[in-house]
Structure formats: structure tokens, C-alpha cells
Amino acid sequence: NWQKENLKKVVPDAFHTWVGDRRLMQAGAFADEVEARELQERLREAG
């Protein structure tokens, strides 16, 4: 719950999604890999 609450401080509307048999939180979807990696870096800075 702590991780989910803090993730929503960065991406307020992040939601649950299934990737195979893993239940993860989706933060965004993009047409360009560069922009996806930009969001990934922002999340890394947030821990």
C-alpha cells in the first residue's frame, strides 16, 4: 500500500494491469520509446 500510495503521488491515475501472470501498476503508454524512457527516468528519481 505504501508503494501504491507514493506511486500515485507521481502518477495520480496509475492503475493495476496484468502482464502475463504478474499484477503490476501501469504508469503510461507511448508511441515513442524515448518518451517511455523519459517517464521511466522520472520514476527512478522518485525511487
All heavy atoms as atom14 arrays in JSON, in Angstrom:
{
  "sequence": "NWQKENLKKVVPDAFHTWVGDRRLMQAGAFADEVEARELQERLREAG",
  "atom14_mask": [
    [1, 1, 1, 1, 1, 1, 1, 1, 0, 0, 0, 0, 0, 0],
    [1, 1, 1, 1, 1, 1, 1, 1, 1, 1, 1, 1, 1, 1],
    [1, 1, 1, 1, 1, 1, 1, 1, 1, 0, 0, 0, 0, 0],
    [1, 1, 1, 1, 1, 1, 1, 1, 1, 0, 0, 0, 0, 0],
    [1, 1, 1, 1, 1, 1, 1, 1, 1, 0, 0, 0, 0, 0],
    [1, 1, 1, 1, 1, 1, 1, 1, 0, 0, 0, 0, 0, 0],
    [1, 1, 1, 1, 1, 1, 1, 1, 0, 0, 0, 0, 0, 0],
    [1, 1, 1, 1, 1, 1, 1, 1, 1, 0, 0, 0, 0, 0],
    [1, 1, 1, 1, 1, 1, 1, 1, 1, 0, 0, 0, 0, 0],
    [1, 1, 1, 1, 1, 1, 1, 0, 0, 0, 0, 0, 0, 0],
    [1, 1, 1, 1, 1, 1, 1, 0, 0, 0, 0, 0, 0, 0],
    [1, 1, 1, 1, 1, 1, 1, 0, 0, 0, 0, 0, 0, 0],
    [1, 1, 1, 1, 1, 1, 1, 1, 0, 0, 0, 0, 0, 0],
    [1, 1, 1, 1, 1, 0, 0, 0, 0, 0, 0, 0, 0, 0],
    [1, 1, 1, 1, 1, 1, 1, 1, 1, 1, 1, 0, 0, 0],
    [1, 1, 1, 1, 1, 1, 1, 1, 1, 1, 0, 0, 0, 0],
    [1, 1, 1, 1, 1, 1, 1, 0, 0, 0, 0, 0, 0, 0],
    [1, 1, 1, 1, 1, 1, 1, 1, 1, 1, 1, 1, 1, 1],
    [1, 1, 1, 1, 1, 1, 1, 0, 0, 0, 0, 0, 0, 0],
    [1, 1, 1, 1, 0, 0, 0, 0, 0, 0, 0, 0, 0, 0],
    [1, 1, 1, 1, 1, 1, 1, 1, 0, 0, 0, 0, 0, 0],
    [1, 1, 1, 1, 1, 1, 1, 1, 1, 1, 1, 0, 0, 0],
    [1, 1, 1, 1, 1, 1, 1, 1, 1, 1, 1, 0, 0, 0],
    [1, 1, 1, 1, 1, 1, 1, 1, 0, 0, 0, 0, 0, 0],
    [1, 1, 1, 1, 1, 1, 1, 1, 0, 0, 0, 0, 0, 0],
    [1, 1, 1, 1, 1, 1, 1, 1, 1, 0, 0, 0, 0, 0],
    [1, 1, 1, 1, 1, 0, 0, 0, 0, 0, 0, 0, 0, 0],
    [1, 1, 1, 1, 0, 0, 0, 0, 0, 0, 0, 0, 0, 0],
    [1, 1, 1, 1, 1, 0, 0, 0, 0, 0, 0, 0, 0, 0],
    [1, 1, 1, 1, 1, 1, 1, 1, 1, 1, 1, 0, 0, 0],
    [1, 1, 1, 1, 1, 0, 0, 0, 0, 0, 0, 0, 0, 0],
    [1, 1, 1, 1, 1, 1, 1, 1, 0, 0, 0, 0, 0, 0],
    [1, 1, 1, 1, 1, 1, 1, 1, 1, 0, 0, 0, 0, 0],
    [1, 1, 1, 1, 1, 1, 1, 0, 0, 0, 0, 0, 0, 0],
    [1, 1, 1, 1, 1, 1, 1, 1, 1, 0, 0, 0, 0, 0],
    [1, 1, 1, 1, 1, 0, 0, 0, 0, 0, 0, 0, 0, 0],
    [1, 1, 1, 1, 1, 1, 1, 1, 1, 1, 1, 0, 0, 0],
    [1, 1, 1, 1, 1, 1, 1, 1, 1, 0, 0, 0, 0, 0],
    [1, 1, 1, 1, 1, 1, 1, 1, 0, 0, 0, 0, 0, 0],
    [1, 1, 1, 1, 1, 1, 1, 1, 1, 0, 0, 0, 0, 0],
    [1, 1, 1, 1, 1, 1, 1, 1, 1, 0, 0, 0, 0, 0],
    [1, 1, 1, 1, 1, 1, 1, 1, 1, 1, 1, 0, 0, 0],
    [1, 1, 1, 1, 1, 1, 1, 1, 0, 0, 0, 0, 0, 0],
    [1, 1, 1, 1, 1, 1, 1, 1, 1, 1, 1, 0, 0, 0],
    [1, 1, 1, 1, 1, 1, 1, 1, 1, 0, 0, 0, 0, 0],
    [1, 1, 1, 1, 1, 0, 0, 0, 0, 0, 0, 0, 0, 0],
    [1, 1, 1, 1, 0, 0, 0, 0, 0, 0, 0, 0, 0, 0]
  ],
  "atom14_positions": [
    [[0.83, -1.21, 0.0], [0.0, 0.0, 0.0], [0.86, 1.25, 0.0], [0.52, 2.25, -0.64], [-0.93, 0.0, 1.21], [-2.03, -1.05, 1.11], [-2.4, -1.44, 0.0], [-2.53, -1.5, 2.24], [0.0, 0.0, 0.0], [0.0, 0.0, 0.0], [0.0, 0.0, 0.0], [0.0, 0.0, 0.0], [0.0, 0.0, 0.0], [0.0, 0.0, 0.0]],
    [[1.99, 1.19, 0.7], [2.89, 2.35, 0.74], [3.42, 2.66, -0.64], [3.46, 3.81, -1.06], [4.04, 2.07, 1.71], [5.0, 3.21, 1.84], [4.94, 4.26, 2.71], [6.18, 3.43, 1.05], [5.99, 5.12, 2.52], [6.78, 4.64, 1.51], [6.78, 2.75, 0.01], [7.93, 5.16, 0.96], [7.95, 3.26, -0.54], [8.51, 4.45, -0.07]],
    [[3.85, 1.62, -1.37], [4.37, 1.82, -2.72], [3.29, 2.37, -3.64], [3.54, 3.28, -4.44], [4.9, 0.5, -3.27], [6.19, 0.02, -2.63], [6.61, -1.34, -3.13], [5.78, -2.24, -3.29], [7.9, -1.51, -3.38], [0.0, 0.0, 0.0], [0.0, 0.0, 0.0], [0.0, 0.0, 0.0], [0.0, 0.0, 0.0], [0.0, 0.0, 0.0]],
    [[2.08, 1.84, -3.55], [1.0, 2.29, -4.41], [0.63, 3.75, -4.13], [0.42, 4.54, -5.05], [-0.22, 1.4, -4.23], [0.0, -0.04, -4.69], [-1.18, -0.93, -4.35], [-0.91, -2.38, -4.73], [-2.05, -3.26, -4.37], [0.0, 0.0, 0.0], [0.0, 0.0, 0.0], [0.0, 0.0, 0.0], [0.0, 0.0, 0.0], [0.0, 0.0, 0.0]],
    [[0.55, 4.11, -2.85], [0.21, 5.48, -2.49], [1.26, 6.46, -2.98], [0.94, 7.54, -3.48], [0.03, 5.58, -0.97], [-1.19, 4.86, -0.45], [-1.25, 4.86, 1.06], [-0.33, 5.44, 1.69], [-2.2, 4.27, 1.63], [0.0, 0.0, 0.0], [0.0, 0.0, 0.0], [0.0, 0.0, 0.0], [0.0, 0.0, 0.0], [0.0, 0.0, 0.0]],
    [[2.54, 6.1, -2.83], [3.6, 7.0, -3.26], [3.72, 7.06, -4.78], [4.07, 8.11, -5.34], [4.94, 6.57, -2.63], [5.08, 7.02, -1.2], [5.47, 8.15, -0.92], [4.72, 6.15, -0.27], [0.0, 0.0, 0.0], [0.0, 0.0, 0.0], [0.0, 0.0, 0.0], [0.0, 0.0, 0.0], [0.0, 0.0, 0.0], [0.0, 0.0, 0.0]],
    [[3.42, 5.96, -5.47], [3.41, 5.99, -6.93], [2.33, 6.95, -7.43], [2.56, 7.71, -8.39], [3.16, 4.59, -7.48], [3.01, 4.5, -9.01], [4.29, 4.97, -9.71], [2.68, 3.06, -9.43], [0.0, 0.0, 0.0], [0.0, 0.0, 0.0], [0.0, 0.0, 0.0], [0.0, 0.0, 0.0], [0.0, 0.0, 0.0], [0.0, 0.0, 0.0]],
    [[1.19, 6.97, -6.77], [0.1, 7.85, -7.2], [0.4, 9.32, -6.92], [-0.27, 10.2, -7.44], [-1.21, 7.43, -6.53], [-1.82, 6.19, -7.17], [-3.14, 5.82, -6.54], [-3.8, 4.68, -7.29], [-4.3, 5.12, -8.61], [0.0, 0.0, 0.0], [0.0, 0.0, 0.0], [0.0, 0.0, 0.0], [0.0, 0.0, 0.0], [0.0, 0.0, 0.0]],
    [[1.4, 9.59, -6.1], [1.83, 10.98, -5.93], [2.58, 11.47, -7.15], [2.64, 12.67, -7.42], [2.72, 11.1, -4.69], [1.97, 10.88, -3.37], [2.91, 10.99, -2.17], [2.16, 10.72, -0.87], [3.07, 10.79, 0.3], [0.0, 0.0, 0.0], [0.0, 0.0, 0.0], [0.0, 0.0, 0.0], [0.0, 0.0, 0.0], [0.0, 0.0, 0.0]],
    [[3.2, 10.54, -7.89], [3.9, 10.89, -9.12], [2.97, 10.75, -10.32], [2.92, 11.62, -11.19], [5.14, 9.99, -9.31], [5.93, 10.4, -10.55], [6.03, 10.04, -8.08], [0.0, 0.0, 0.0], [0.0, 0.0, 0.0], [0.0, 0.0, 0.0], [0.0, 0.0, 0.0], [0.0, 0.0, 0.0], [0.0, 0.0, 0.0], [0.0, 0.0, 0.0]],
    [[2.22, 9.66, -10.36], [1.25, 9.41, -11.44], [-0.1, 9.17, -10.79], [-0.44, 8.06, -10.41], [1.66, 8.18, -12.29], [0.73, 8.02, -13.48], [3.09, 8.32, -12.76], [0.0, 0.0, 0.0], [0.0, 0.0, 0.0], [0.0, 0.0, 0.0], [0.0, 0.0, 0.0], [0.0, 0.0, 0.0], [0.0, 0.0, 0.0], [0.0, 0.0, 0.0]],
    [[-0.9, 10.24, -10.59], [-2.14, 10.12, -9.81], [-3.1, 9.05, -10.31], [-3.8, 8.44, -9.52], [-2.75, 11.52, -9.95], [-1.59, 12.43, -10.19], [-0.64, 11.62, -11.03], [0.0, 0.0, 0.0], [0.0, 0.0, 0.0], [0.0, 0.0, 0.0], [0.0, 0.0, 0.0], [0.0, 0.0, 0.0], [0.0, 0.0, 0.0], [0.0, 0.0, 0.0]],
    [[-3.13, 8.8, -11.63], [-4.1, 7.84, -12.17], [-3.47, 6.54, -12.61], [-4.0, 5.85, -13.49], [-4.87, 8.47, -13.33], [-5.78, 9.6, -12.84], [-6.34, 9.44, -11.76], [-5.91, 10.61, -13.54], [0.0, 0.0, 0.0], [0.0, 0.0, 0.0], [0.0, 0.0, 0.0], [0.0, 0.0, 0.0], [0.0, 0.0, 0.0], [0.0, 0.0, 0.0]],
    [[-2.32, 6.18, -12.04], [-1.74, 4.87, -12.32], [-2.74, 3.79, -11.89], [-3.47, 3.95, -10.91], [-0.42, 4.71, -11.57], [0.0, 0.0, 0.0], [0.0, 0.0, 0.0], [0.0, 0.0, 0.0], [0.0, 0.0, 0.0], [0.0, 0.0, 0.0], [0.0, 0.0, 0.0], [0.0, 0.0, 0.0], [0.0, 0.0, 0.0], [0.0, 0.0, 0.0]],
    [[-2.8, 2.7, -12.63], [-3.79, 1.68, -12.34], [-3.19, 0.28, -12.47], [-2.13, 0.1, -13.07], [-5.01, 1.81, -13.27], [-4.66, 1.7, -14.74], [-4.59, 0.47, -15.37], [-4.38, 2.84, -15.48], [-4.27, 0.37, -16.71], [-4.06, 2.75, -16.82], [-4.0, 1.51, -17.44], [0.0, 0.0, 0.0], [0.0, 0.0, 0.0], [0.0, 0.0, 0.0]],
    [[-3.91, -0.7, -11.93], [-3.44, -2.07, -11.97], [-3.62, -2.65, -13.37], [-4.59, -2.36, -14.07], [-4.2, -2.95, -10.97], [-3.81, -2.71, -9.55], [-4.57, -1.95, -8.69], [-2.72, -3.11, -8.84], [-3.98, -1.92, -7.5], [-2.86, -2.61, -7.57], [0.0, 0.0, 0.0], [0.0, 0.0, 0.0], [0.0, 0.0, 0.0], [0.0, 0.0, 0.0]],
    [[-2.67, -3.49, -13.78], [-2.76, -4.18, -15.05], [-2.07, -5.52, -14.93], [-1.21, -5.71, -14.05], [-2.11, -3.35, -16.18], [-2.35, -3.98, -17.44], [-0.61, -3.21, -15.98], [0.0, 0.0, 0.0], [0.0, 0.0, 0.0], [0.0, 0.0, 0.0], [0.0, 0.0, 0.0], [0.0, 0.0, 0.0], [0.0, 0.0, 0.0], [0.0, 0.0, 0.0]],
    [[-2.45, -6.45, -15.78], [-1.83, -7.77, -15.77], [-0.85, -7.87, -16.93], [-1.18, -7.54, -18.07], [-2.88, -8.87, -15.9], [-3.66, -9.08, -14.64], [-4.86, -8.52, -14.31], [-3.3, -9.9, -13.53], [-5.27, -8.92, -13.07], [-4.32, -9.78, -12.56], [-2.21, -10.72, -13.26], [-4.28, -10.47, -11.35], [-2.17, -11.39, -12.04], [-3.2, -11.27, -11.11]],
    [[0.37, -8.33, -16.65], [1.37, -8.64, -17.67], [1.71, -10.1, -17.48], [2.46, -10.46, -16.56], [2.62, -7.75, -17.54], [3.65, -8.15, -18.58], [2.25, -6.28, -17.68], [0.0, 0.0, 0.0], [0.0, 0.0, 0.0], [0.0, 0.0, 0.0], [0.0, 0.0, 0.0], [0.0, 0.0, 0.0], [0.0, 0.0, 0.0], [0.0, 0.0, 0.0]],
    [[1.13, -10.96, -18.32], [1.25, -12.39, -18.08], [0.53, -12.75, -16.8], [-0.65, -12.43, -16.62], [0.0, 0.0, 0.0], [0.0, 0.0, 0.0], [0.0, 0.0, 0.0], [0.0, 0.0, 0.0], [0.0, 0.0, 0.0], [0.0, 0.0, 0.0], [0.0, 0.0, 0.0], [0.0, 0.0, 0.0], [0.0, 0.0, 0.0], [0.0, 0.0, 0.0]],
    [[1.24, -13.36, -15.86], [0.65, -13.69, -14.57], [1.07, -12.71, -13.48], [0.84, -12.96, -12.3], [1.03, -15.12, -14.17], [2.55, -15.31, -14.06], [3.29, -14.37, -14.41], [2.99, -16.39, -13.63], [0.0, 0.0, 0.0], [0.0, 0.0, 0.0], [0.0, 0.0, 0.0], [0.0, 0.0, 0.0], [0.0, 0.0, 0.0], [0.0, 0.0, 0.0]],
    [[1.66, -11.59, -13.88], [2.08, -10.58, -12.9], [1.08, -9.43, -12.84], [0.65, -8.91, -13.87], [3.47, -10.01, -13.26], [4.59, -11.03, -13.18], [5.92, -10.33, -13.43], [5.99, -9.74, -14.76], [6.86, -8.81, -15.13], [7.73, -8.33, -14.24], [6.87, -8.35, -16.36], [0.0, 0.0, 0.0], [0.0, 0.0, 0.0], [0.0, 0.0, 0.0]],
    [[0.72, -9.01, -11.64], [-0.18, -7.88, -11.44], [0.67, -6.65, -11.11], [1.26, -6.58, -10.03], [-1.18, -8.15, -10.32], [-2.32, -7.13, -10.25], [-3.44, -7.66, -9.36], [-4.6, -6.8, -9.4], [-4.95, -5.95, -8.43], [-4.19, -5.85, -7.35], [-6.03, -5.21, -8.54], [0.0, 0.0, 0.0], [0.0, 0.0, 0.0], [0.0, 0.0, 0.0]],
    [[0.75, -5.7, -12.04], [1.6, -4.53, -11.9], [0.77, -3.26, -11.94], [-0.46, -3.3, -12.11], [2.64, -4.52, -13.04], [3.47, -5.8, -13.22], [4.32, -5.69, -14.48], [4.35, -6.04, -12.0], [0.0, 0.0, 0.0], [0.0, 0.0, 0.0], [0.0, 0.0, 0.0], [0.0, 0.0, 0.0], [0.0, 0.0, 0.0], [0.0, 0.0, 0.0]],
    [[1.44, -2.12, -11.78], [0.79, -0.81, -11.9], [1.27, -0.17, -13.19], [2.49, -0.05, -13.42], [1.15, 0.09, -10.72], [0.63, -0.4, -9.37], [-1.14, -0.14, -9.18], [-1.19, 1.64, -8.94], [0.0, 0.0, 0.0], [0.0, 0.0, 0.0], [0.0, 0.0, 0.0], [0.0, 0.0, 0.0], [0.0, 0.0, 0.0], [0.0, 0.0, 0.0]],
    [[0.34, 0.23, -14.06], [0.72, 0.89, -15.32], [0.74, 2.4, -15.13], [-0.2, 2.98, -14.61], [-0.24, 0.52, -16.44], [0.11, 1.17, -17.77], [-0.63, 0.54, -18.92], [-0.74, -0.67, -19.0], [-1.14, 1.37, -19.82], [0.0, 0.0, 0.0], [0.0, 0.0, 0.0], [0.0, 0.0, 0.0], [0.0, 0.0, 0.0], [0.0, 0.0, 0.0]],
    [[1.83, 3.03, -15.58], [2.01, 4.48, -15.4], [1.83, 5.26, -16.69], [1.66, 6.48, -16.64], [3.39, 4.77, -14.81], [0.0, 0.0, 0.0], [0.0, 0.0, 0.0], [0.0, 0.0, 0.0], [0.0, 0.0, 0.0], [0.0, 0.0, 0.0], [0.0, 0.0, 0.0], [0.0, 0.0, 0.0], [0.0, 0.0, 0.0], [0.0, 0.0, 0.0]],
    [[1.91, 4.63, -17.85], [1.75, 5.37, -19.1], [1.96, 4.48, -20.3], [2.52, 3.39, -20.19], [0.0, 0.0, 0.0], [0.0, 0.0, 0.0], [0.0, 0.0, 0.0], [0.0, 0.0, 0.0], [0.0, 0.0, 0.0], [0.0, 0.0, 0.0], [0.0, 0.0, 0.0], [0.0, 0.0, 0.0], [0.0, 0.0, 0.0], [0.0, 0.0, 0.0]],
    [[1.49, 4.96, -21.47], [1.69, 4.25, -22.73], [2.08, 5.25, -23.8], [1.57, 6.37, -23.82], [0.42, 3.5, -23.14], [0.0, 0.0, 0.0], [0.0, 0.0, 0.0], [0.0, 0.0, 0.0], [0.0, 0.0, 0.0], [0.0, 0.0, 0.0], [0.0, 0.0, 0.0], [0.0, 0.0, 0.0], [0.0, 0.0, 0.0], [0.0, 0.0, 0.0]],
    [[3.01, 4.88, -24.68], [3.61, 5.82, -25.62], [3.81, 5.18, -26.99], [3.95, 3.97, -27.11], [4.96, 6.32, -25.11], [4.9, 6.94, -23.75], [5.01, 6.16, -22.61], [4.74, 8.31, -23.6], [4.95, 6.72, -21.35], [4.68, 8.89, -22.35], [4.79, 8.09, -21.22], [0.0, 0.0, 0.0], [0.0, 0.0, 0.0], [0.0, 0.0, 0.0]],
    [[3.88, 6.03, -28.0], [4.24, 5.57, -29.34], [5.75, 5.57, -29.53], [6.28, 4.81, -30.34], [3.58, 6.47, -30.39], [0.0, 0.0, 0.0], [0.0, 0.0, 0.0], [0.0, 0.0, 0.0], [0.0, 0.0, 0.0], [0.0, 0.0, 0.0], [0.0, 0.0, 0.0], [0.0, 0.0, 0.0], [0.0, 0.0, 0.0], [0.0, 0.0, 0.0]],
    [[6.48, 6.41, -28.78], [7.93, 6.55, -28.92], [8.64, 5.98, -27.69], [8.3, 6.32, -26.56], [8.33, 8.01, -29.1], [7.76, 8.6, -30.37], [8.1, 8.09, -31.45], [6.96, 9.55, -30.28], [0.0, 0.0, 0.0], [0.0, 0.0, 0.0], [0.0, 0.0, 0.0], [0.0, 0.0, 0.0], [0.0, 0.0, 0.0], [0.0, 0.0, 0.0]],
    [[9.65, 5.15, -27.91], [10.39, 4.56, -26.8], [11.16, 5.62, -26.01], [11.31, 5.52, -24.79], [11.37, 3.49, -27.32], [12.08, 2.74, -26.2], [13.01, 1.66, -26.72], [13.14, 1.55, -27.96], [13.58, 0.93, -25.89], [0.0, 0.0, 0.0], [0.0, 0.0, 0.0], [0.0, 0.0, 0.0], [0.0, 0.0, 0.0], [0.0, 0.0, 0.0]],
    [[11.62, 6.66, -26.68], [12.35, 7.72, -25.99], [11.48, 8.35, -24.92], [11.92, 8.6, -23.79], [12.84, 8.79, -27.0], [13.37, 10.01, -26.27], [13.91, 8.22, -27.9], [0.0, 0.0, 0.0], [0.0, 0.0, 0.0], [0.0, 0.0, 0.0], [0.0, 0.0, 0.0], [0.0, 0.0, 0.0], [0.0, 0.0, 0.0], [0.0, 0.0, 0.0]],
    [[10.22, 8.61, -25.24], [9.33, 9.24, -24.26], [8.96, 8.27, -23.14], [8.77, 8.68, -21.99], [8.11, 9.78, -24.98], [8.47, 10.95, -25.9], [7.3, 11.45, -26.72], [6.26, 10.76, -26.76], [7.43, 12.53, -27.32], [0.0, 0.0, 0.0], [0.0, 0.0, 0.0], [0.0, 0.0, 0.0], [0.0, 0.0, 0.0], [0.0, 0.0, 0.0]],
    [[8.87, 6.99, -23.46], [8.63, 5.99, -22.41], [9.81, 5.96, -21.45], [9.63, 5.87, -20.22], [8.42, 4.62, -23.05], [0.0, 0.0, 0.0], [0.0, 0.0, 0.0], [0.0, 0.0, 0.0], [0.0, 0.0, 0.0], [0.0, 0.0, 0.0], [0.0, 0.0, 0.0], [0.0, 0.0, 0.0], [0.0, 0.0, 0.0], [0.0, 0.0, 0.0]],
    [[11.03, 6.06, -21.98], [12.22, 6.06, -21.11], [12.33, 7.35, -20.3], [12.9, 7.36, -19.22], [13.47, 5.82, -21.96], [13.57, 4.4, -22.49], [14.91, 4.09, -23.12], [14.98, 2.7, -23.52], [15.32, 1.7, -22.72], [15.64, 1.97, -21.47], [15.35, 0.45, -23.16], [0.0, 0.0, 0.0], [0.0, 0.0, 0.0], [0.0, 0.0, 0.0]],
    [[11.78, 8.43, -20.82], [11.77, 9.68, -20.05], [10.91, 9.52, -18.81], [11.28, 9.96, -17.71], [11.26, 10.82, -20.93], [11.41, 12.19, -20.29], [10.96, 13.29, -21.22], [10.47, 12.99, -22.32], [11.08, 14.47, -20.81], [0.0, 0.0, 0.0], [0.0, 0.0, 0.0], [0.0, 0.0, 0.0], [0.0, 0.0, 0.0], [0.0, 0.0, 0.0]],
    [[9.74, 8.9, -18.95], [8.9, 8.62, -17.79], [9.59, 7.63, -16.85], [9.55, 7.78, -15.62], [7.55, 8.06, -18.23], [6.62, 7.58, -17.11], [6.35, 8.7, -16.11], [5.32, 7.04, -17.68], [0.0, 0.0, 0.0], [0.0, 0.0, 0.0], [0.0, 0.0, 0.0], [0.0, 0.0, 0.0], [0.0, 0.0, 0.0], [0.0, 0.0, 0.0]],
    [[10.25, 6.64, -17.4], [10.97, 5.67, -16.58], [12.04, 6.35, -15.73], [12.23, 6.02, -14.55], [11.6, 4.59, -17.48], [12.26, 3.46, -16.7], [12.88, 2.43, -17.62], [13.54, 2.78, -18.6], [12.69, 1.16, -17.31], [0.0, 0.0, 0.0], [0.0, 0.0, 0.0], [0.0, 0.0, 0.0], [0.0, 0.0, 0.0], [0.0, 0.0, 0.0]],
    [[12.73, 7.34, -16.3], [13.75, 8.07, -15.55], [13.12, 8.89, -14.43], [13.65, 8.97, -13.32], [14.55, 8.97, -16.49], [15.48, 9.95, -15.78], [16.57, 9.28, -14.94], [16.77, 8.05, -15.1], [17.2, 9.96, -14.13], [0.0, 0.0, 0.0], [0.0, 0.0, 0.0], [0.0, 0.0, 0.0], [0.0, 0.0, 0.0], [0.0, 0.0, 0.0]],
    [[11.98, 9.5, -14.72], [11.28, 10.28, -13.68], [10.87, 9.37, -12.51], [11.01, 9.73, -11.34], [10.05, 10.95, -14.29], [9.18, 11.71, -13.3], [9.96, 12.77, -12.57], [9.11, 13.53, -11.66], [9.57, 14.35, -10.73], [10.86, 14.55, -10.62], [8.73, 14.99, -9.95], [0.0, 0.0, 0.0], [0.0, 0.0, 0.0], [0.0, 0.0, 0.0]],
    [[10.41, 8.18, -12.83], [10.03, 7.22, -11.78], [11.26, 6.78, -10.99], [11.2, 6.6, -9.77], [9.33, 6.02, -12.41], [7.95, 6.3, -13.02], [7.47, 5.09, -13.8], [6.95, 6.66, -11.94], [0.0, 0.0, 0.0], [0.0, 0.0, 0.0], [0.0, 0.0, 0.0], [0.0, 0.0, 0.0], [0.0, 0.0, 0.0], [0.0, 0.0, 0.0]],
    [[12.4, 6.6, -11.69], [13.63, 6.22, -10.99], [14.03, 7.28, -9.99], [14.43, 6.98, -8.87], [14.75, 5.99, -12.01], [16.03, 5.43, -11.37], [17.21, 5.57, -12.3], [17.54, 6.97, -12.56], [18.19, 7.75, -11.7], [18.59, 7.27, -10.53], [18.44, 9.01, -11.99], [0.0, 0.0, 0.0], [0.0, 0.0, 0.0], [0.0, 0.0, 0.0]],
    [[13.92, 8.57, -10.4], [14.26, 9.67, -9.49], [13.35, 9.67, -8.27], [13.75, 10.13, -7.2], [14.15, 11.0, -10.23], [15.21, 11.19, -11.32], [15.03, 12.5, -12.06], [13.97, 13.14, -11.89], [15.95, 12.89, -12.81], [0.0, 0.0, 0.0], [0.0, 0.0, 0.0], [0.0, 0.0, 0.0], [0.0, 0.0, 0.0], [0.0, 0.0, 0.0]],
    [[12.13, 9.18, -8.43], [11.18, 9.13, -7.32], [11.35, 7.87, -6.48], [10.62, 7.68, -5.49], [9.75, 9.21, -7.85], [0.0, 0.0, 0.0], [0.0, 0.0, 0.0], [0.0, 0.0, 0.0], [0.0, 0.0, 0.0], [0.0, 0.0, 0.0], [0.0, 0.0, 0.0], [0.0, 0.0, 0.0], [0.0, 0.0, 0.0], [0.0, 0.0, 0.0]],
    [[12.3, 6.99, -6.86], [12.58, 5.81, -6.06], [11.89, 4.54, -6.51], [11.85, 3.57, -5.75], [0.0, 0.0, 0.0], [0.0, 0.0, 0.0], [0.0, 0.0, 0.0], [0.0, 0.0, 0.0], [0.0, 0.0, 0.0], [0.0, 0.0, 0.0], [0.0, 0.0, 0.0], [0.0, 0.0, 0.0], [0.0, 0.0, 0.0], [0.0, 0.0, 0.0]]
  ]
}
